[in-house]
Amino acid sequence: MFDIGGGELIVILLGILLLFGPDKLPEIIKTIRSGKSRIDEAKKEISKEINSFTNDIKKDLNL
């Protein structure tokens, strides 16, 4: 998805560490993970609704 190498990732993480400090880092990681899990849940729900919609259309068209 992103074209980030190992060295660049280390620089980014060090920058975050310097900006927020070591005390805030676990909180930031929790926030990112909870956001990711919410996105995953939304994707599953949308996929389920799309599948239901297409199944209804197929049923109505007798396919």
PDB file of N, CA and C in Angstrom:
ATOM      1  N   MET A   1       0.830  -1.183   0.000  1.00  0.00           N
ATOM      2  CA  MET A   1       0.000   0.000   0.000  1.00  0.00           C
ATOM      3  C   MET A   1       0.874   1.246   0.000  1.00  0.00           C
ATOM      4  N   PHE A   2       1.723   1.372   1.001  1.00  0.00           N
ATOM      5  CA  PHE A   2       2.652   2.490   1.044  1.00  0.00           C
ATOM      6  C   PHE A   2       4.024   1.967   0.679  1.00  0.00           C
ATOM      7  N   ASP A   3       4.784   2.770  -0.024  1.00  0.00           N
ATOM      8  CA  ASP A   3       6.118   2.352  -0.426  1.00  0.00           C
ATOM      9  C   ASP A   3       7.120   2.906   0.584  1.00  0.00           C
ATOM     10  N   ILE A   4       7.122   2.310   1.796  1.00  0.00           N
ATOM     11  CA  ILE A   4       7.991   2.763   2.884  1.00  0.00           C
ATOM     12  C   ILE A   4       8.965   1.643   3.211  1.00  0.00           C
ATOM     13  N   GLY A   5      10.242   1.976   3.209  1.00  0.00           N
ATOM     14  CA  GLY A   5      11.263   1.007   3.553  1.00  0.00           C
ATOM     15  C   GLY A   5      11.496   0.939   5.050  1.00  0.00           C
ATOM     16  N   GLY A   6      12.344   0.025   5.464  1.00  0.00           N
ATOM     17  CA  GLY A   6      12.627  -0.163   6.881  1.00  0.00           C
ATOM     18  C   GLY A   6      13.253   1.055   7.536  1.00  0.00           C
ATOM     19  N   GLY A   7      14.206   1.674   6.853  1.00  0.00           N
ATOM     20  CA  GLY A   7      14.867   2.861   7.392  1.00  0.00           C
ATOM     21  C   GLY A   7      13.906   4.036   7.539  1.00  0.00           C
ATOM     22  N   GLU A   8      13.053   4.190   6.555  1.00  0.00           N
ATOM     23  CA  GLU A   8      12.075   5.280   6.621  1.00  0.00           C
ATOM     24  C   GLU A   8      11.084   5.060   7.755  1.00  0.00           C
ATOM     25  N   LEU A   9      10.696   3.811   7.955  1.00  0.00           N
ATOM     26  CA  LEU A   9       9.776   3.484   9.042  1.00  0.00           C
ATOM     27  C   LEU A   9      10.400   3.793  10.399  1.00  0.00           C
ATOM     28  N   ILE A  10      11.675   3.506  10.557  1.00  0.00           N
ATOM     29  CA  ILE A  10      12.368   3.797  11.812  1.00  0.00           C
ATOM     30  C   ILE A  10      12.419   5.303  12.058  1.00  0.00           C
ATOM     31  N   VAL A  11      12.684   6.082  11.014  1.00  0.00           N
ATOM     32  CA  VAL A  11      12.721   7.536  11.151  1.00  0.00           C
ATOM     33  C   VAL A  11      11.341   8.065  11.557  1.00  0.00           C
ATOM     34  N   ILE A  12      10.290   7.538  10.951  1.00  0.00           N
ATOM     35  CA  ILE A  12       8.929   7.966  11.297  1.00  0.00           C
ATOM     36  C   ILE A  12       8.616   7.625  12.748  1.00  0.00           C
ATOM     37  N   LEU A  13       8.953   6.417  13.170  1.00  0.00           N
ATOM     38  CA  LEU A  13       8.687   6.009  14.550  1.00  0.00           C
ATOM     39  C   LEU A  13       9.489   6.840  15.546  1.00  0.00           C
ATOM     40  N   LEU A  14      10.717   7.146  15.221  1.00  0.00           N
ATOM     41  CA  LEU A  14      11.518   8.006  16.093  1.00  0.00           C
ATOM     42  C   LEU A  14      10.926   9.410  16.182  1.00  0.00           C
ATOM     43  N   GLY A  15      10.435   9.927  15.066  1.00  0.00           N
ATOM     44  CA  GLY A  15       9.781  11.236  15.065  1.00  0.00           C
ATOM     45  C   GLY A  15       8.545  11.244  15.945  1.00  0.00           C
ATOM     46  N   ILE A  16       7.751  10.188  15.852  1.00  0.00           N
ATOM     47  CA  ILE A  16       6.563  10.087  16.708  1.00  0.00           C
ATOM     48  C   ILE A  16       6.975   9.997  18.167  1.00  0.00           C
ATOM     49  N   LEU A  17       7.997   9.239  18.441  1.00  0.00           N
ATOM     50  CA  LEU A  17       8.480   9.101  19.812  1.00  0.00           C
ATOM     51  C   LEU A  17       8.962  10.443  20.366  1.00  0.00           C
ATOM     52  N   LEU A  18       9.655  11.206  19.543  1.00  0.00           N
ATOM     53  CA  LEU A  18      10.130  12.518  19.974  1.00  0.00           C
ATOM     54  C   LEU A  18       8.984  13.512  20.169  1.00  0.00           C
ATOM     55  N   LEU A  19       7.983  13.456  19.303  1.00  0.00           N
ATOM     56  CA  LEU A  19       6.856  14.384  19.406  1.00  0.00           C
ATOM     57  C   LEU A  19       5.973  14.117  20.618  1.00  0.00           C
ATOM     58  N   PHE A  20       5.663  12.857  20.852  1.00  0.00           N
ATOM     59  CA  PHE A  20       4.686  12.521  21.877  1.00  0.00           C
ATOM     60  C   PHE A  20       5.301  11.969  23.161  1.00  0.00           C
ATOM     61  N   GLY A  21       6.512  11.484  23.094  1.00  0.00           N
ATOM     62  CA  GLY A  21       7.161  10.936  24.265  1.00  0.00           C
ATOM     63  C   GLY A  21       6.785   9.481  24.493  1.00  0.00           C
ATOM     64  N   PRO A  22       7.585   8.804  25.298  1.00  0.00           N
ATOM     65  CA  PRO A  22       7.352   7.372  25.509  1.00  0.00           C
ATOM     66  C   PRO A  22       6.084   7.076  26.324  1.00  0.00           C
ATOM     67  N   ASP A  23       5.599   8.044  27.108  1.00  0.00           N
ATOM     68  CA  ASP A  23       4.408   7.804  27.913  1.00  0.00           C
ATOM     69  C   ASP A  23       3.142   7.734  27.069  1.00  0.00           C
ATOM     70  N   LYS A  24       3.085   8.497  26.005  1.00  0.00           N
ATOM     71  CA  LYS A  24       1.890   8.553  25.159  1.00  0.00           C
ATOM     72  C   LYS A  24       1.891   7.485  24.060  1.00  0.00           C
ATOM     73  N   LEU A  25       3.027   6.870  23.803  1.00  0.00           N
ATOM     74  CA  LEU A  25       3.138   5.921  22.697  1.00  0.00           C
ATOM     75  C   LEU A  25       2.161   4.748  22.807  1.00  0.00           C
ATOM     76  N   PRO A  26       2.021   4.081  23.963  1.00  0.00           N
ATOM     77  CA  PRO A  26       1.042   2.982  24.048  1.00  0.00           C
ATOM     78  C   PRO A  26      -0.388   3.441  23.782  1.00  0.00           C
ATOM     79  N   GLU A  27      -0.724   4.638  24.229  1.00  0.00           N
ATOM     80  CA  GLU A  27      -2.063   5.175  23.997  1.00  0.00           C
ATOM     81  C   GLU A  27      -2.306   5.420  22.505  1.00  0.00           C
ATOM     82  N   ILE A  28      -1.306   5.919  21.813  1.00  0.00           N
ATOM     83  CA  ILE A  28      -1.413   6.165  20.371  1.00  0.00           C
ATOM     84  C   ILE A  28      -1.598   4.843  19.629  1.00  0.00           C
ATOM     85  N   ILE A  29      -0.845   3.829  20.026  1.00  0.00           N
ATOM     86  CA  ILE A  29      -0.948   2.517  19.382  1.00  0.00           C
ATOM     87  C   ILE A  29      -2.329   1.923  19.599  1.00  0.00           C
ATOM     88  N   LYS A  30      -2.888   2.052  20.813  1.00  0.00           N
ATOM     89  CA  LYS A  30      -4.241   1.555  21.090  1.00  0.00           C
ATOM     90  C   LYS A  30      -5.268   2.268  20.221  1.00  0.00           C
ATOM     91  N   THR A  31      -5.112   3.565  20.068  1.00  0.00           N
ATOM     92  CA  THR A  31      -6.046   4.340  19.252  1.00  0.00           C
ATOM     93  C   THR A  31      -6.000   3.887  17.801  1.00  0.00           C
ATOM     94  N   ILE A  32      -4.808   3.660  17.279  1.00  0.00           N
ATOM     95  CA  ILE A  32      -4.653   3.207  15.892  1.00  0.00           C
ATOM     96  C   ILE A  32      -5.278   1.828  15.719  1.00  0.00           C
ATOM     97  N   ARG A  33      -5.040   0.933  16.669  1.00  0.00           N
ATOM     98  CA  ARG A  33      -5.593  -0.421  16.563  1.00  0.00           C
ATOM     99  C   ARG A  33      -7.109  -0.419  16.654  1.00  0.00           C
ATOM    100  N   SER A  34      -7.667   0.389  17.553  1.00  0.00           N
ATOM    101  CA  SER A  34      -9.126   0.418  17.669  1.00  0.00           C
ATOM    102  C   SER A  34      -9.742   1.014  16.403  1.00  0.00           C
ATOM    103  N   GLY A  35      -9.085   1.999  15.815  1.00  0.00           N
ATOM    104  CA  GLY A  35      -9.566   2.556  14.559  1.00  0.00           C
ATOM    105  C   GLY A  35      -9.527   1.533  13.450  1.00  0.00           C
ATOM    106  N   LYS A  36      -8.468   0.743  13.413  1.00  0.00           N
ATOM    107  CA  LYS A  36      -8.341  -0.295  12.385  1.00  0.00           C
ATOM    108  C   LYS A  36      -9.414  -1.355  12.564  1.00  0.00           C
ATOM    109  N   SER A  37      -9.679  -1.749  13.805  1.00  0.00           N
ATOM    110  CA  SER A  37     -10.711  -2.764  14.027  1.00  0.00           C
ATOM    111  C   SER A  37     -12.092  -2.227  13.659  1.00  0.00           C
ATOM    112  N   ARG A  38     -12.335  -0.947  13.891  1.00  0.00           N
ATOM    113  CA  ARG A  38     -13.616  -0.356  13.491  1.00  0.00           C
ATOM    114  C   ARG A  38     -13.754  -0.336  11.976  1.00  0.00           C
ATOM    115  N   ILE A  39     -12.680  -0.054  11.283  1.00  0.00           N
ATOM    116  CA  ILE A  39     -12.708  -0.068   9.821  1.00  0.00           C
ATOM    117  C   ILE A  39     -12.971  -1.480   9.312  1.00  0.00           C
ATOM    118  N   ASP A  40     -12.322  -2.476   9.927  1.00  0.00           N
ATOM    119  CA  ASP A  40     -12.540  -3.867   9.525  1.00  0.00           C
ATOM    120  C   ASP A  40     -13.989  -4.284   9.751  1.00  0.00           C
ATOM    121  N   GLU A  41     -14.579  -3.870  10.885  1.00  0.00           N
ATOM    122  CA  GLU A  41     -15.973  -4.192  11.159  1.00  0.00           C
ATOM    123  C   GLU A  41     -16.897  -3.538  10.137  1.00  0.00           C
ATOM    124  N   ALA A  42     -16.609  -2.303   9.781  1.00  0.00           N
ATOM    125  CA  ALA A  42     -17.425  -1.597   8.791  1.00  0.00           C
ATOM    126  C   ALA A  42     -17.328  -2.285   7.431  1.00  0.00           C
ATOM    127  N   LYS A  43     -16.122  -2.730   7.053  1.00  0.00           N
ATOM    128  CA  LYS A  43     -15.952  -3.437   5.790  1.00  0.00           C
ATOM    129  C   LYS A  43     -16.772  -4.724   5.769  1.00  0.00           C
ATOM    130  N   LYS A  44     -16.755  -5.466   6.872  1.00  0.00           N
ATOM    131  CA  LYS A  44     -17.527  -6.710   6.952  1.00  0.00           C
ATOM    132  C   LYS A  44     -19.022  -6.428   6.826  1.00  0.00           C
ATOM    133  N   GLU A  45     -19.486  -5.400   7.511  1.00  0.00           N
ATOM    134  CA  GLU A  45     -20.909  -5.049   7.469  1.00  0.00           C
ATOM    135  C   GLU A  45     -21.323  -4.621   6.056  1.00  0.00           C
ATOM    136  N   ILE A  46     -20.508  -3.820   5.405  1.00  0.00           N
ATOM    137  CA  ILE A  46     -20.815  -3.390   4.037  1.00  0.00           C
ATOM    138  C   ILE A  46     -20.825  -4.584   3.096  1.00  0.00           C
ATOM    139  N   SER A  47     -19.859  -5.467   3.238  1.00  0.00           N
ATOM    140  CA  SER A  47     -19.797  -6.658   2.400  1.00  0.00           C
ATOM    141  C   SER A  47     -21.028  -7.534   2.603  1.00  0.00           C
ATOM    142  N   LYS A  48     -21.450  -7.680   3.855  1.00  0.00           N
ATOM    143  CA  LYS A  48     -22.627  -8.479   4.151  1.00  0.00           C
ATOM    144  C   LYS A  48     -23.879  -7.869   3.513  1.00  0.00           C
ATOM    145  N   GLU A  49     -24.007  -6.557   3.578  1.00  0.00           N
ATOM    146  CA  GLU A  49     -25.156  -5.881   2.980  1.00  0.00           C
ATOM    147  C   GLU A  49     -25.146  -6.002   1.459  1.00  0.00           C
ATOM    148  N   ILE A  50     -23.979  -5.885   0.853  1.00  0.00           N
ATOM    149  CA  ILE A  50     -23.871  -6.022  -0.602  1.00  0.00           C
ATOM    150  C   ILE A  50     -24.243  -7.439  -1.030  1.00  0.00           C
ATOM    151  N   ASN A  51     -23.753  -8.435  -0.292  1.00  0.00           N
ATOM    152  CA  ASN A  51     -24.094  -9.823  -0.616  1.00  0.00           C
ATOM    153  C   ASN A  51     -25.588 -10.067  -0.476  1.00  0.00           C
ATOM    154  N   SER A  52     -26.181  -9.535   0.568  1.00  0.00           N
ATOM    155  CA  SER A  52     -27.620  -9.678   0.763  1.00  0.00           C
ATOM    156  C   SER A  52     -28.389  -9.017  -0.377  1.00  0.00           C
ATOM    157  N   PHE A  53     -27.950  -7.834  -0.769  1.00  0.00           N
ATOM    158  CA  PHE A  53     -28.589  -7.102  -1.862  1.00  0.00           C
ATOM    159  C   PHE A  53     -28.497  -7.876  -3.167  1.00  0.00           C
ATOM    160  N   THR A  54     -27.316  -8.397  -3.485  1.00  0.00           N
ATOM    161  CA  THR A  54     -27.152  -9.144  -4.738  1.00  0.00           C
ATOM    162  C   THR A  54     -27.948 -10.444  -4.707  1.00  0.00           C
ATOM    163  N   ASN A  55     -28.020 -11.091  -3.545  1.00  0.00           N
ATOM    164  CA  ASN A  55     -28.818 -12.307  -3.439  1.00  0.00           C
ATOM    165  C   ASN A  55     -30.300 -12.004  -3.654  1.00  0.00           C
ATOM    166  N   ASP A  56     -30.780 -10.885  -3.126  1.00  0.00           N
ATOM    167  CA  ASP A  56     -32.170 -10.497  -3.339  1.00  0.00           C
ATOM    168  C   ASP A  56     -32.441 -10.236  -4.808  1.00  0.00           C
ATOM    169  N   ILE A  57     -31.521  -9.572  -5.479  1.00  0.00           N
ATOM    170  CA  ILE A  57     -31.684  -9.290  -6.911  1.00  0.00           C
ATOM    171  C   ILE A  57     -31.713 -10.598  -7.705  1.00  0.00           C
ATOM    172  N   LYS A  58     -30.794 -11.511  -7.372  1.00  0.00           N
ATOM    173  CA  LYS A  58     -30.764 -12.806  -8.071  1.00  0.00           C
ATOM    174  C   LYS A  58     -32.056 -13.567  -7.852  1.00  0.00           C
ATOM    175  N   LYS A  59     -32.572 -13.507  -6.644  1.00  0.00           N
ATOM    176  CA  LYS A  59     -33.818 -14.202  -6.329  1.00  0.00           C
ATOM    177  C   LYS A  59     -34.982 -13.596  -7.114  1.00  0.00           C
ATOM    178  N   ASP A  60     -35.008 -12.254  -7.208  1.00  0.00           N
ATOM    179  CA  ASP A  60     -36.074 -11.589  -7.939  1.00  0.00           C
ATOM    180  C   ASP A  60     -36.001 -11.884  -9.444  1.00  0.00           C
ATOM    181  N   LEU A  61     -34.802 -12.068  -9.948  1.00  0.00           N
ATOM    182  CA  LEU A  61     -34.618 -12.350 -11.377  1.00  0.00           C
ATOM    183  C   LEU A  61     -34.638 -13.849 -11.683  1.00  0.00           C
ATOM    184  N   ASN A  62     -34.787 -14.654 -10.627  1.00  0.00           N
ATOM    185  CA  ASN A  62     -34.796 -16.122 -10.768  1.00  0.00           C
ATOM    186  C   ASN A  62     -33.527 -16.654 -11.415  1.00  0.00           C
ATOM    187  N   LEU A  63     -32.378 -16.183 -10.934  1.00  0.00           N
ATOM    188  CA  LEU A  63     -31.100 -16.644 -11.491  1.00  0.00           C
ATOM    189  C   LEU A  63     -30.530 -17.735 -10.648  1.00  0.00           C
TER     190      LEU A  63
END
